[in-house]
């Protein structure tokens, strides 16, 4: 085989591995203390195109909890 082909495939494999490692590490990174209580409105989240955003997931959980609390208050 051509040594340049092997080198090219090795570089591509290395770049793909670096991408997945950084993606995984980014998911594990905790939210900074300054941003923990950050409120993002639904409009802000709907305008964002980042589908892997952890803030969006947490916002959806908070919204669900608020809806449950509202339903419980209405029942009482």
N, C-alpha and C. Protein backbone atom coordinates (compact mmCIF):
# COMPACT_ATOMS: atom_id res chain seq x y z
N UNK A 1 0.84 -1.19 0.00
CA UNK A 1 0.00 0.00 0.00
C UNK A 1 0.88 1.25 0.00
N UNK A 2 0.30 2.29 -0.47
CA UNK A 2 0.98 3.57 -0.53
C UNK A 2 1.16 4.13 0.89
N UNK A 3 2.37 4.53 1.28
CA UNK A 3 2.56 5.05 2.64
C UNK A 3 1.79 6.35 2.90
N UNK A 4 1.54 7.12 1.83
CA UNK A 4 0.77 8.36 2.02
C UNK A 4 -0.69 8.06 2.33
N UNK A 5 -1.21 6.97 1.76
CA UNK A 5 -2.58 6.56 2.04
C UNK A 5 -2.72 6.14 3.50
N UNK A 6 -1.76 5.38 3.97
CA UNK A 6 -1.77 4.95 5.37
C UNK A 6 -1.65 6.16 6.29
N UNK A 7 -0.77 7.07 5.96
CA UNK A 7 -0.60 8.28 6.76
C UNK A 7 -1.89 9.11 6.77
N UNK A 8 -2.52 9.25 5.62
CA UNK A 8 -3.76 10.02 5.53
C UNK A 8 -4.88 9.38 6.33
N UNK A 9 -5.02 8.07 6.24
CA UNK A 9 -6.04 7.37 7.02
C UNK A 9 -5.75 7.47 8.52
N UNK A 10 -4.49 7.42 8.89
CA UNK A 10 -4.13 7.56 10.30
C UNK A 10 -4.47 8.94 10.83
N UNK A 11 -4.23 9.96 10.04
CA UNK A 11 -4.55 11.33 10.46
C UNK A 11 -6.06 11.50 10.60
N UNK A 12 -6.82 10.96 9.65
CA UNK A 12 -8.28 11.04 9.73
C UNK A 12 -8.79 10.30 10.96
N UNK A 13 -8.27 9.13 11.23
CA UNK A 13 -8.67 8.36 12.41
C UNK A 13 -8.33 9.12 13.69
N UNK A 14 -7.19 9.76 13.72
CA UNK A 14 -6.78 10.55 14.88
C UNK A 14 -7.72 11.73 15.11
N UNK A 15 -8.08 12.42 14.03
CA UNK A 15 -8.99 13.55 14.15
C UNK A 15 -10.38 13.12 14.62
N UNK A 16 -10.86 12.00 14.13
CA UNK A 16 -12.16 11.48 14.56
C UNK A 16 -12.10 11.10 16.04
N UNK A 17 -11.02 10.47 16.46
CA UNK A 17 -10.87 10.10 17.87
C UNK A 17 -10.81 11.35 18.76
N UNK A 18 -10.10 12.37 18.33
CA UNK A 18 -10.02 13.62 19.11
C UNK A 18 -11.40 14.26 19.21
N UNK A 19 -12.18 14.23 18.14
CA UNK A 19 -13.53 14.80 18.17
C UNK A 19 -14.39 14.09 19.21
N UNK A 20 -14.41 12.75 19.19
CA UNK A 20 -15.26 12.02 20.13
C UNK A 20 -14.78 12.18 21.57
N UNK A 21 -13.50 12.23 21.79
CA UNK A 21 -12.98 12.42 23.15
C UNK A 21 -13.37 13.79 23.68
N UNK A 22 -13.19 14.83 22.88
CA UNK A 22 -13.55 16.17 23.35
C UNK A 22 -15.05 16.32 23.52
N UNK A 23 -15.84 15.68 22.68
CA UNK A 23 -17.30 15.71 22.82
C UNK A 23 -17.71 15.07 24.13
N UNK A 24 -17.15 13.91 24.45
CA UNK A 24 -17.46 13.21 25.69
C UNK A 24 -17.03 14.02 26.91
N UNK A 25 -15.84 14.59 26.87
CA UNK A 25 -15.34 15.38 27.99
C UNK A 25 -16.17 16.66 28.18
N UNK A 26 -16.64 17.24 27.09
CA UNK A 26 -17.46 18.43 27.17
C UNK A 26 -18.80 18.12 27.85
N UNK A 27 -19.36 16.95 27.59
CA UNK A 27 -20.61 16.54 28.23
C UNK A 27 -20.42 16.35 29.73
N UNK A 28 -19.24 15.91 30.14
CA UNK A 28 -18.99 15.66 31.55
C UNK A 28 -18.59 16.92 32.33
N UNK A 29 -18.29 18.00 31.63
CA UNK A 29 -17.86 19.23 32.28
C UNK A 29 -19.03 19.85 33.04
N UNK A 30 -18.85 20.14 34.33
CA UNK A 30 -19.95 20.74 35.10
C UNK A 30 -20.21 22.19 34.66
N UNK A 31 -21.41 22.64 34.93
CA UNK A 31 -21.78 24.02 34.61
C UNK A 31 -21.07 24.95 35.59
N UNK A 32 -20.50 26.06 35.13
CA UNK A 32 -19.82 26.99 36.03
C UNK A 32 -20.78 27.54 37.10
N UNK A 33 -20.23 27.88 38.27
CA UNK A 33 -21.04 28.37 39.39
C UNK A 33 -21.85 29.61 39.01
N UNK A 34 -21.29 30.45 38.15
CA UNK A 34 -21.99 31.68 37.76
C UNK A 34 -23.21 31.39 36.90
N UNK A 35 -23.25 30.23 36.28
CA UNK A 35 -24.33 29.91 35.33
C UNK A 35 -25.36 28.94 35.89
N UNK A 36 -25.19 28.50 37.13
CA UNK A 36 -26.10 27.50 37.68
C UNK A 36 -27.51 28.05 37.78
N UNK A 37 -27.67 29.27 38.24
CA UNK A 37 -29.00 29.85 38.41
C UNK A 37 -29.44 30.68 37.22
N UNK A 38 -28.77 30.51 36.12
CA UNK A 38 -29.07 31.25 34.91
C UNK A 38 -30.42 30.80 34.36
N UNK A 39 -31.30 31.74 34.16
CA UNK A 39 -32.62 31.44 33.62
C UNK A 39 -32.63 31.74 32.13
N UNK A 40 -32.94 30.75 31.37
CA UNK A 40 -33.06 30.93 29.94
C UNK A 40 -34.52 30.72 29.60
N UNK A 41 -35.11 31.69 28.95
CA UNK A 41 -36.51 31.57 28.58
C UNK A 41 -36.72 30.58 27.46
N UNK A 42 -37.96 30.21 27.28
CA UNK A 42 -38.28 29.26 26.23
C UNK A 42 -37.96 29.84 24.85
N UNK A 43 -38.10 31.16 24.73
CA UNK A 43 -37.79 31.79 23.45
C UNK A 43 -36.31 31.65 23.13
N UNK A 44 -35.48 31.80 24.15
CA UNK A 44 -34.04 31.68 23.94
C UNK A 44 -33.65 30.27 23.54
N UNK A 45 -34.27 29.30 24.17
CA UNK A 45 -33.96 27.90 23.84
C UNK A 45 -34.51 27.51 22.47
N UNK A 46 -35.65 28.04 22.10
CA UNK A 46 -36.22 27.66 20.82
C UNK A 46 -35.41 28.27 19.67
N UNK A 47 -34.72 29.38 19.92
CA UNK A 47 -33.90 30.00 18.88
C UNK A 47 -32.55 29.34 18.72
N UNK A 48 -32.15 28.56 19.70
CA UNK A 48 -30.85 27.90 19.68
C UNK A 48 -30.93 26.63 18.84
N UNK A 49 -29.93 26.40 18.04
CA UNK A 49 -29.91 25.21 17.18
C UNK A 49 -29.00 24.11 17.72
N UNK A 50 -28.52 24.26 18.95
CA UNK A 50 -27.65 23.26 19.56
C UNK A 50 -28.53 22.21 20.23
N UNK A 51 -28.70 21.06 19.58
CA UNK A 51 -29.60 20.03 20.09
C UNK A 51 -28.98 19.21 21.21
N UNK A 52 -27.70 19.32 21.44
CA UNK A 52 -27.06 18.56 22.51
C UNK A 52 -26.78 19.44 23.72
N UNK A 53 -27.48 20.56 23.83
CA UNK A 53 -27.25 21.53 24.90
C UNK A 53 -27.77 20.99 26.22
N UNK A 54 -26.93 20.98 27.23
CA UNK A 54 -27.37 20.50 28.55
C UNK A 54 -28.26 21.52 29.24
N UNK A 55 -28.10 22.79 28.93
CA UNK A 55 -28.97 23.82 29.52
C UNK A 55 -30.40 23.64 29.03
N UNK A 56 -30.56 23.27 27.79
CA UNK A 56 -31.89 23.07 27.22
C UNK A 56 -32.57 21.90 27.93
N UNK A 57 -31.82 20.84 28.19
CA UNK A 57 -32.38 19.69 28.90
C UNK A 57 -32.81 20.07 30.30
N UNK A 58 -31.98 20.84 31.00
CA UNK A 58 -32.32 21.24 32.36
C UNK A 58 -33.50 22.19 32.36
N UNK A 59 -33.60 23.05 31.37
CA UNK A 59 -34.73 23.96 31.29
C UNK A 59 -36.01 23.17 31.10
N UNK A 60 -35.97 22.15 30.27
CA UNK A 60 -37.16 21.33 30.06
C UNK A 60 -37.57 20.62 31.33
N UNK A 61 -36.59 20.15 32.12
CA UNK A 61 -36.92 19.50 33.39
C UNK A 61 -37.55 20.49 34.36
N UNK A 62 -37.02 21.71 34.42
CA UNK A 62 -37.59 22.73 35.30
C UNK A 62 -39.01 23.06 34.88
N UNK A 63 -39.24 23.13 33.59
CA UNK A 63 -40.58 23.44 33.09
C UNK A 63 -41.55 22.32 33.45
N UNK A 64 -41.12 21.09 33.32
CA UNK A 64 -41.97 19.96 33.68
C UNK A 64 -42.29 19.99 35.17
N UNK A 65 -41.28 20.28 36.01
CA UNK A 65 -41.52 20.36 37.45
C UNK A 65 -42.49 21.48 37.78
N UNK A 66 -42.36 22.62 37.12
CA UNK A 66 -43.27 23.74 37.36
C UNK A 66 -44.69 23.39 36.93
N UNK A 67 -44.83 22.69 35.82
CA UNK A 67 -46.16 22.27 35.36
C UNK A 67 -46.80 21.32 36.35
N UNK A 68 -46.02 20.40 36.91
CA UNK A 68 -46.54 19.46 37.90
C UNK A 68 -46.99 20.21 39.15
N UNK A 69 -46.17 21.17 39.60
CA UNK A 69 -46.53 21.95 40.78
C UNK A 69 -47.81 22.75 40.54
N UNK A 70 -47.97 23.32 39.36
CA UNK A 70 -49.18 24.05 39.02
C UNK A 70 -50.39 23.14 39.04
N UNK A 71 -50.24 21.95 38.48
CA UNK A 71 -51.36 20.99 38.46
C UNK A 71 -51.74 20.58 39.87
N UNK A 72 -50.74 20.38 40.73
CA UNK A 72 -51.05 19.99 42.12
C UNK A 72 -51.76 21.12 42.86
N UNK A 73 -51.36 22.36 42.61
CA UNK A 73 -52.01 23.50 43.25
C UNK A 73 -53.44 23.66 42.77
N UNK A 74 -53.66 23.41 41.49
CA UNK A 74 -55.01 23.53 40.95
C UNK A 74 -55.93 22.47 41.50
N UNK A 75 -55.41 21.27 41.78
CA UNK A 75 -56.22 20.18 42.33
C UNK A 75 -56.64 20.49 43.76
N UNK A 76 -55.80 21.18 44.50
CA UNK A 76 -56.10 21.48 45.90
C UNK A 76 -56.94 22.71 45.93
